[in-house]
Amino acid sequence: MVVESLKRKTKRNNMGFNQCYVGNVLQIQKELDEYGLKEFVRRYSKYDSITGDIESVDFIEGIVKKYYNEDVNESKEV
């Protein structure tokens, strides 16, 4: 009975916080070159928080914002 109660509680409280630590900006730029823009944005958009080297965080945020702004502008033109 107690086990069933615990299982129900854990199922309801499955919220998590996805955090990513990033290294230097050269490593992040290499990832962008290797994986391409779409995969890069998909990968880093899923995190709730990105921490680490401030240049890397700013680089990632800039790329993701630019990607979504261009995507929104393209859909408005149609």
N, C-alpha and C. Protein backbone atom coordinates (compact mmCIF):
# COMPACT_ATOMS: atom_id res chain seq x y z
N MET A 1 0.82 -1.19 0.00
CA MET A 1 0.00 0.00 0.00
C MET A 1 0.87 1.26 0.00
N VAL A 2 1.90 1.29 0.84
CA VAL A 2 2.79 2.45 0.90
C VAL A 2 3.56 2.61 -0.41
N VAL A 3 3.98 1.49 -1.00
CA VAL A 3 4.72 1.54 -2.25
C VAL A 3 3.86 2.13 -3.36
N GLU A 4 2.62 1.73 -3.45
CA GLU A 4 1.71 2.28 -4.46
C GLU A 4 1.53 3.77 -4.28
N SER A 5 1.43 4.21 -3.04
CA SER A 5 1.28 5.63 -2.75
C SER A 5 2.52 6.40 -3.20
N LEU A 6 3.70 5.85 -2.96
CA LEU A 6 4.94 6.50 -3.38
C LEU A 6 5.04 6.55 -4.90
N LYS A 7 4.63 5.50 -5.58
CA LYS A 7 4.68 5.47 -7.03
C LYS A 7 3.79 6.55 -7.62
N ARG A 8 2.59 6.72 -7.06
CA ARG A 8 1.68 7.75 -7.56
C ARG A 8 2.27 9.14 -7.35
N LYS A 9 2.90 9.37 -6.20
CA LYS A 9 3.48 10.68 -5.92
C LYS A 9 4.63 10.99 -6.88
N THR A 10 5.46 10.02 -7.15
CA THR A 10 6.59 10.27 -8.05
C THR A 10 6.12 10.49 -9.47
N LYS A 11 5.06 9.85 -9.88
CA LYS A 11 4.55 10.05 -11.23
C LYS A 11 4.01 11.46 -11.41
N ARG A 12 3.40 12.01 -10.39
CA ARG A 12 2.84 13.35 -10.48
C ARG A 12 3.92 14.42 -10.43
N ASN A 13 5.03 14.14 -9.81
CA ASN A 13 6.08 15.13 -9.62
C ASN A 13 7.28 14.85 -10.51
N ASN A 14 7.04 14.62 -11.79
CA ASN A 14 8.11 14.28 -12.71
C ASN A 14 8.78 15.49 -13.34
N MET A 15 8.51 16.67 -12.87
CA MET A 15 9.11 17.85 -13.46
C MET A 15 10.60 17.87 -13.16
N GLY A 16 11.37 18.20 -14.16
CA GLY A 16 12.81 18.27 -14.00
C GLY A 16 13.33 19.60 -14.50
N PHE A 17 14.59 19.83 -14.27
CA PHE A 17 15.24 21.06 -14.72
C PHE A 17 16.45 20.63 -15.53
N ASN A 18 16.41 20.88 -16.82
CA ASN A 18 17.48 20.47 -17.72
C ASN A 18 18.52 21.58 -17.83
N GLN A 19 19.70 21.30 -17.30
CA GLN A 19 20.77 22.28 -17.30
C GLN A 19 21.93 21.76 -18.13
N CYS A 20 22.61 22.65 -18.81
CA CYS A 20 23.74 22.30 -19.65
C CYS A 20 24.92 23.20 -19.30
N TYR A 21 26.09 22.59 -19.12
CA TYR A 21 27.32 23.36 -18.91
C TYR A 21 28.10 23.35 -20.21
N VAL A 22 28.51 24.52 -20.67
CA VAL A 22 29.26 24.61 -21.93
C VAL A 22 30.68 25.08 -21.68
N GLY A 23 31.57 24.63 -22.56
CA GLY A 23 32.98 24.99 -22.47
C GLY A 23 33.26 26.27 -23.24
N ASN A 24 34.46 26.37 -23.78
CA ASN A 24 34.85 27.61 -24.45
C ASN A 24 34.14 27.78 -25.79
N VAL A 25 34.14 29.01 -26.27
CA VAL A 25 33.38 29.36 -27.47
C VAL A 25 33.91 28.66 -28.71
N LEU A 26 35.20 28.35 -28.77
CA LEU A 26 35.74 27.63 -29.93
C LEU A 26 35.14 26.24 -30.04
N GLN A 27 34.94 25.60 -28.91
CA GLN A 27 34.32 24.27 -28.89
C GLN A 27 32.86 24.36 -29.38
N ILE A 28 32.16 25.39 -28.96
CA ILE A 28 30.76 25.57 -29.36
C ILE A 28 30.67 25.88 -30.86
N GLN A 29 31.57 26.71 -31.37
CA GLN A 29 31.59 27.01 -32.80
C GLN A 29 31.88 25.75 -33.61
N LYS A 30 32.75 24.89 -33.10
CA LYS A 30 33.05 23.63 -33.77
C LYS A 30 31.80 22.74 -33.83
N GLU A 31 31.03 22.72 -32.74
CA GLU A 31 29.78 21.95 -32.73
C GLU A 31 28.82 22.47 -33.79
N LEU A 32 28.71 23.78 -33.92
CA LEU A 32 27.83 24.37 -34.93
C LEU A 32 28.27 23.95 -36.32
N ASP A 33 29.56 23.98 -36.58
CA ASP A 33 30.08 23.55 -37.89
C ASP A 33 29.84 22.07 -38.14
N GLU A 34 30.03 21.24 -37.12
CA GLU A 34 29.87 19.79 -37.27
C GLU A 34 28.42 19.37 -37.48
N TYR A 35 27.51 19.90 -36.66
CA TYR A 35 26.13 19.43 -36.65
C TYR A 35 25.19 20.23 -37.54
N GLY A 36 25.57 21.42 -37.91
CA GLY A 36 24.70 22.27 -38.71
C GLY A 36 23.77 23.09 -37.83
N LEU A 37 23.20 24.12 -38.41
CA LEU A 37 22.39 25.08 -37.67
C LEU A 37 21.15 24.45 -37.04
N LYS A 38 20.40 23.68 -37.80
CA LYS A 38 19.14 23.12 -37.31
C LYS A 38 19.36 22.21 -36.10
N GLU A 39 20.32 21.30 -36.19
CA GLU A 39 20.61 20.38 -35.09
C GLU A 39 21.17 21.13 -33.89
N PHE A 40 22.01 22.12 -34.13
CA PHE A 40 22.59 22.93 -33.06
C PHE A 40 21.49 23.63 -32.27
N VAL A 41 20.57 24.25 -32.98
CA VAL A 41 19.46 24.96 -32.33
C VAL A 41 18.56 23.97 -31.60
N ARG A 42 18.25 22.85 -32.21
CA ARG A 42 17.41 21.84 -31.55
C ARG A 42 18.06 21.38 -30.25
N ARG A 43 19.35 21.13 -30.31
CA ARG A 43 20.08 20.63 -29.15
C ARG A 43 20.07 21.62 -27.99
N TYR A 44 20.36 22.87 -28.26
CA TYR A 44 20.48 23.85 -27.18
C TYR A 44 19.15 24.49 -26.79
N SER A 45 18.13 24.36 -27.60
CA SER A 45 16.82 24.92 -27.25
C SER A 45 16.09 24.11 -26.19
N LYS A 46 16.47 22.86 -26.01
CA LYS A 46 15.75 21.99 -25.07
C LYS A 46 16.15 22.23 -23.61
N TYR A 47 17.23 22.97 -23.36
CA TYR A 47 17.67 23.17 -21.99
C TYR A 47 16.94 24.33 -21.32
N ASP A 48 16.69 24.16 -20.03
CA ASP A 48 16.09 25.23 -19.24
C ASP A 48 17.13 26.27 -18.85
N SER A 49 18.39 25.84 -18.74
CA SER A 49 19.47 26.73 -18.32
C SER A 49 20.76 26.28 -18.99
N ILE A 50 21.52 27.27 -19.45
CA ILE A 50 22.84 27.00 -20.00
C ILE A 50 23.84 27.81 -19.18
N THR A 51 24.84 27.13 -18.62
CA THR A 51 25.83 27.81 -17.81
C THR A 51 27.22 27.48 -18.33
N GLY A 52 28.19 28.25 -17.89
CA GLY A 52 29.57 28.01 -18.28
C GLY A 52 30.19 29.29 -18.77
N ASP A 53 31.09 29.16 -19.74
CA ASP A 53 31.79 30.30 -20.31
C ASP A 53 30.79 31.31 -20.88
N ILE A 54 30.88 32.56 -20.43
CA ILE A 54 29.89 33.57 -20.80
C ILE A 54 29.90 33.84 -22.30
N GLU A 55 31.06 33.80 -22.94
CA GLU A 55 31.12 33.98 -24.39
C GLU A 55 30.36 32.88 -25.11
N SER A 56 30.48 31.66 -24.60
CA SER A 56 29.76 30.52 -25.21
C SER A 56 28.26 30.66 -25.04
N VAL A 57 27.84 31.04 -23.84
CA VAL A 57 26.41 31.21 -23.57
C VAL A 57 25.85 32.31 -24.47
N ASP A 58 26.54 33.43 -24.58
CA ASP A 58 26.08 34.53 -25.44
C ASP A 58 26.04 34.09 -26.90
N PHE A 59 27.03 33.31 -27.33
CA PHE A 59 27.07 32.81 -28.71
C PHE A 59 25.87 31.92 -29.00
N ILE A 60 25.60 30.99 -28.10
CA ILE A 60 24.46 30.07 -28.27
C ILE A 60 23.15 30.84 -28.29
N GLU A 61 22.96 31.75 -27.34
CA GLU A 61 21.72 32.53 -27.28
C GLU A 61 21.53 33.35 -28.56
N GLY A 62 22.62 33.93 -29.07
CA GLY A 62 22.53 34.71 -30.30
C GLY A 62 22.13 33.86 -31.49
N ILE A 63 22.72 32.69 -31.63
CA ILE A 63 22.41 31.80 -32.74
C ILE A 63 20.94 31.34 -32.66
N VAL A 64 20.50 30.94 -31.46
CA VAL A 64 19.13 30.45 -31.30
C VAL A 64 18.12 31.56 -31.57
N LYS A 65 18.35 32.75 -31.05
CA LYS A 65 17.44 33.88 -31.29
C LYS A 65 17.38 34.23 -32.77
N LYS A 66 18.54 34.29 -33.41
CA LYS A 66 18.58 34.61 -34.84
C LYS A 66 17.83 33.56 -35.64
N TYR A 67 18.01 32.29 -35.31
CA TYR A 67 17.34 31.20 -36.01
C TYR A 67 15.82 31.36 -35.92
N TYR A 68 15.31 31.57 -34.71
CA TYR A 68 13.87 31.68 -34.54
C TYR A 68 13.31 32.97 -35.11
N ASN A 69 14.06 34.07 -35.07
CA ASN A 69 13.59 35.32 -35.67
C ASN A 69 13.50 35.19 -37.18
N GLU A 70 14.48 34.56 -37.81
CA GLU A 70 14.44 34.35 -39.25
C GLU A 70 13.31 33.40 -39.62
N ASP A 71 13.09 32.38 -38.81
CA ASP A 71 12.01 31.43 -39.06
C ASP A 71 10.66 32.12 -38.99
N VAL A 72 10.47 32.98 -38.01
CA VAL A 72 9.21 33.72 -37.87
C VAL A 72 9.03 34.68 -39.02
N ASN A 73 10.07 35.39 -39.42
CA ASN A 73 9.99 36.34 -40.53
C ASN A 73 9.69 35.64 -41.85
N GLU A 74 10.27 34.47 -42.08
CA GLU A 74 9.99 33.73 -43.31
C GLU A 74 8.55 33.28 -43.37
N SER A 75 7.98 32.85 -42.25
CA SER A 75 6.59 32.40 -42.26
C SER A 75 5.62 33.55 -42.43
N LYS A 76 6.00 34.77 -42.03
CA LYS A 76 5.13 35.94 -42.21
C LYS A 76 5.10 36.37 -43.67
N GLU A 77 6.18 36.16 -44.39
CA GLU A 77 6.26 36.57 -45.79
C GLU A 77 5.39 35.73 -46.69
N VAL A 78 5.08 34.53 -46.31
CA VAL A 78 4.30 33.59 -47.15
C VAL A 78 2.88 33.97 -47.24
